[in-house]
Protein backbone atom coordinates (compact mmCIF):
# COMPACT_ATOMS: atom_id res chain seq x y z
CA MET A 1 17.27 -5.39 11.84
CA PRO A 2 20.16 -6.95 9.90
CA LEU A 3 21.70 -5.15 6.93
CA ARG A 4 19.85 -7.41 4.47
CA GLY A 5 16.54 -6.39 6.06
CA LEU A 6 17.41 -2.68 5.96
CA LEU A 7 18.36 -2.95 2.31
CA ARG A 8 15.17 -4.83 1.50
CA ALA A 9 13.07 -2.19 3.32
CA ALA A 10 14.87 0.59 1.42
CA ILE A 11 14.33 -1.16 -1.92
CA ILE A 12 10.62 -1.62 -1.17
CA ALA A 13 10.29 2.07 -0.21
CA ALA A 14 12.14 3.15 -3.36
CA LEU A 15 10.07 0.88 -5.60
CA TYR A 16 6.88 2.23 -4.09
CA VAL A 17 7.91 5.86 -4.72
CA ILE A 18 9.10 5.10 -8.27
CA LEU A 19 5.89 3.28 -9.21
CA VAL A 20 3.74 6.09 -7.80
CA TRP A 21 5.69 8.73 -9.66
CA LEU A 22 5.91 6.88 -12.96
CA LEU A 23 2.13 6.61 -12.84
CA ALA A 24 1.45 9.91 -11.03
CA PRO A 25 -1.62 10.88 -13.08
CA VAL A 26 -3.50 7.83 -11.78
CA SER A 27 -1.79 7.64 -8.37
CA PHE A 28 -3.49 10.67 -6.79
CA GLY A 29 -7.06 11.91 -6.77
CA PRO A 30 -10.56 10.69 -6.00
CA ILE A 31 -10.09 7.79 -8.41
CA GLN A 32 -6.72 6.17 -7.83
CA PHE A 33 -5.01 3.26 -9.49
CA ARG A 34 -1.73 2.88 -7.60
CA LEU A 35 0.17 -0.01 -9.11
CA ALA A 36 2.60 0.43 -6.20
CA GLU A 37 -0.09 -1.03 -3.95
CA ALA A 38 0.82 -4.44 -5.39
CA LEU A 39 3.74 -4.26 -2.96
CA THR A 40 1.39 -4.24 0.04
CA LEU A 41 1.43 -8.05 0.23
CA LEU A 42 5.20 -8.19 0.75
CA PRO A 43 4.83 -8.24 4.56
CA MET A 44 3.55 -11.81 4.08
CA LEU A 45 7.13 -12.66 3.12
CA TYR A 46 9.30 -10.08 4.86
CA VAL A 47 8.71 -8.21 8.13
CA GLU A 48 10.94 -5.39 6.87
CA ALA A 49 8.32 -4.67 4.21
CA VAL A 50 6.23 -3.08 7.00
CA PRO A 51 8.56 -0.08 7.56
CA GLY A 52 9.53 -0.11 3.88
CA LEU A 53 5.95 0.44 2.78
CA PHE A 54 5.41 3.07 5.47
CA VAL A 55 8.42 5.09 4.29
CA GLY A 56 7.54 4.57 0.63
CA VAL A 57 4.00 5.90 1.07
CA LEU A 58 5.25 8.77 3.23
CA LEU A 59 7.73 9.89 0.56
CA ALA A 60 5.34 9.35 -2.35
CA ASN A 61 2.54 11.29 -0.63
CA LEU A 62 4.92 14.04 0.48
CA LEU A 63 5.50 14.81 -3.16
CA GLY A 64 1.89 14.15 -4.16
CA GLY A 65 0.27 17.46 -3.43
CA LEU A 66 -2.75 16.33 -1.40
CA GLY A 67 -1.37 17.80 1.80
CA LEU A 68 -0.50 16.62 5.26
CA TRP A 69 -3.65 14.53 5.60
CA ASP A 70 -2.44 12.29 2.81
CA VAL A 71 1.20 12.33 3.94
CA PHE A 72 0.46 11.28 7.51
CA GLY A 73 -2.94 9.65 7.08
CA GLY A 74 -1.92 7.54 4.11
CA SER A 75 1.35 6.52 5.74
CA LEU A 76 -0.28 5.52 9.02
CA VAL A 77 -3.04 3.58 7.26
CA THR A 78 -0.37 1.76 5.26
CA LEU A 79 1.57 1.02 8.43
CA LEU A 80 -1.57 -0.46 10.02
CA ALA A 81 -2.44 -2.50 6.93
CA ALA A 82 1.15 -3.72 6.51
CA TYR A 83 1.30 -4.79 10.16
CA ILE A 84 -2.00 -6.68 9.85
CA THR A 85 -0.75 -8.30 6.64
CA TRP A 86 2.43 -9.41 8.41
CA ARG A 87 0.61 -10.50 11.59
CA PHE A 88 -1.83 -12.65 9.61
CA ARG A 89 0.68 -13.84 6.99
CA HIS A 90 -0.34 -17.44 7.65
CA LYS A 91 -4.01 -16.58 7.06
CA PRO A 92 -3.90 -15.42 3.43
CA VAL A 93 -7.50 -14.22 3.20
CA ILE A 94 -7.04 -11.79 6.09
CA ALA A 95 -3.56 -10.76 4.91
CA ILE A 96 -4.72 -10.05 1.36
CA LEU A 97 -7.88 -8.24 2.43
CA SER A 98 -6.02 -6.04 4.92
CA PRO A 99 -4.71 -3.37 2.50
CA ILE A 100 -7.97 -3.40 0.56
CA VAL A 101 -10.20 -2.90 3.60
CA CYS A 102 -7.92 -0.48 5.45
CA ASN A 103 -7.46 1.75 2.42
CA ALA A 104 -11.13 1.63 1.41
CA PHE A 105 -12.50 2.64 4.80
CA LEU A 106 -9.67 4.72 6.33
CA ILE A 107 -8.15 6.61 3.39
CA SER A 108 -11.69 7.53 2.37
CA LEU A 109 -12.17 9.25 5.74
CA TYR A 110 -10.00 12.16 4.65
CA LEU A 111 -10.22 11.92 0.86
CA HIS A 112 -13.94 12.59 0.94
CA TYR A 113 -13.19 15.92 2.68
CA ILE A 114 -10.36 16.81 0.31
CA PHE A 115 -12.43 16.13 -2.81
CA THR A 116 -15.85 16.99 -1.29
CA LEU A 117 -17.30 13.68 -2.39
CA PRO A 118 -19.55 11.45 -0.29
CA TYR A 119 -17.71 9.07 2.00
CA TRP A 120 -19.33 5.92 0.58
CA VAL A 121 -18.47 6.96 -2.97
CA MET A 122 -14.83 7.23 -1.88
CA VAL A 123 -15.01 3.87 -0.07
CA LEU A 124 -16.26 2.19 -3.24
CA SER A 125 -13.77 3.99 -5.47
CA ILE A 126 -10.69 3.40 -3.31
CA GLY A 127 -11.81 -0.12 -2.36
CA ALA A 128 -12.42 -1.17 -5.97
CA SER A 129 -9.12 0.21 -7.26
CA GLU A 130 -7.19 -1.29 -4.33
CA ALA A 131 -8.85 -4.66 -4.88
CA VAL A 132 -7.98 -4.65 -8.58
CA VAL A 133 -4.31 -3.83 -7.92
CA VAL A 134 -3.87 -6.16 -4.94
CA LEU A 135 -5.67 -9.11 -6.52
CA LEU A 136 -4.47 -8.77 -10.12
CA ALA A 137 -0.91 -7.55 -9.51
CA GLY A 138 -0.12 -8.09 -5.81
CA VAL A 139 -1.14 -11.74 -5.54
CA PRO A 140 0.82 -12.82 -8.66
CA LEU A 141 3.83 -10.79 -7.47
CA PHE A 142 3.61 -12.41 -4.04
CA LYS A 143 3.38 -15.92 -5.53
CA PHE A 144 6.29 -15.27 -7.88
CA LEU A 145 8.54 -13.94 -5.11
CA GLU A 146 7.50 -16.69 -2.69
CA HIS A 147 8.36 -19.35 -5.23
CA HIS A 148 11.58 -17.86 -6.66
CA TYR A 149 13.14 -15.52 -4.12
CA TYR A 150 11.75 -16.05 -0.65
CA ARG A 151 14.46 -16.66 1.95
CA PRO A 152 13.11 -16.51 5.51
């Protein structure tokens, strides 16, 4: 990866951590509203966003207090979703739905144990909050960056 790509990945990781920690009270728990998840559409523009998001989630969850399940589970789910988003970057519906669906169904697998809430309640909670952030913040961010700053 060229230096520009490494720097972009590092900036994405840092932004993710900063956004999670600035909004920590709503970034962790059974009901989450992670504004940082708006960054999950960046793999549609930059392949280096895939490792950047993985590292960002890993670091944010490491400091989050929900334990190793969240550190490794959340990071791996993000890696999967980011890869799918990048892989289907020319099919926007799949790319945009990827972080929503992956987080809703996979993050809920361990969060329902951590918070002792029913799995489907967690799927609806995580899915709804992820959809709100990705659709209302991620899509406009993606369009802005694509129009003003995208350099393949």
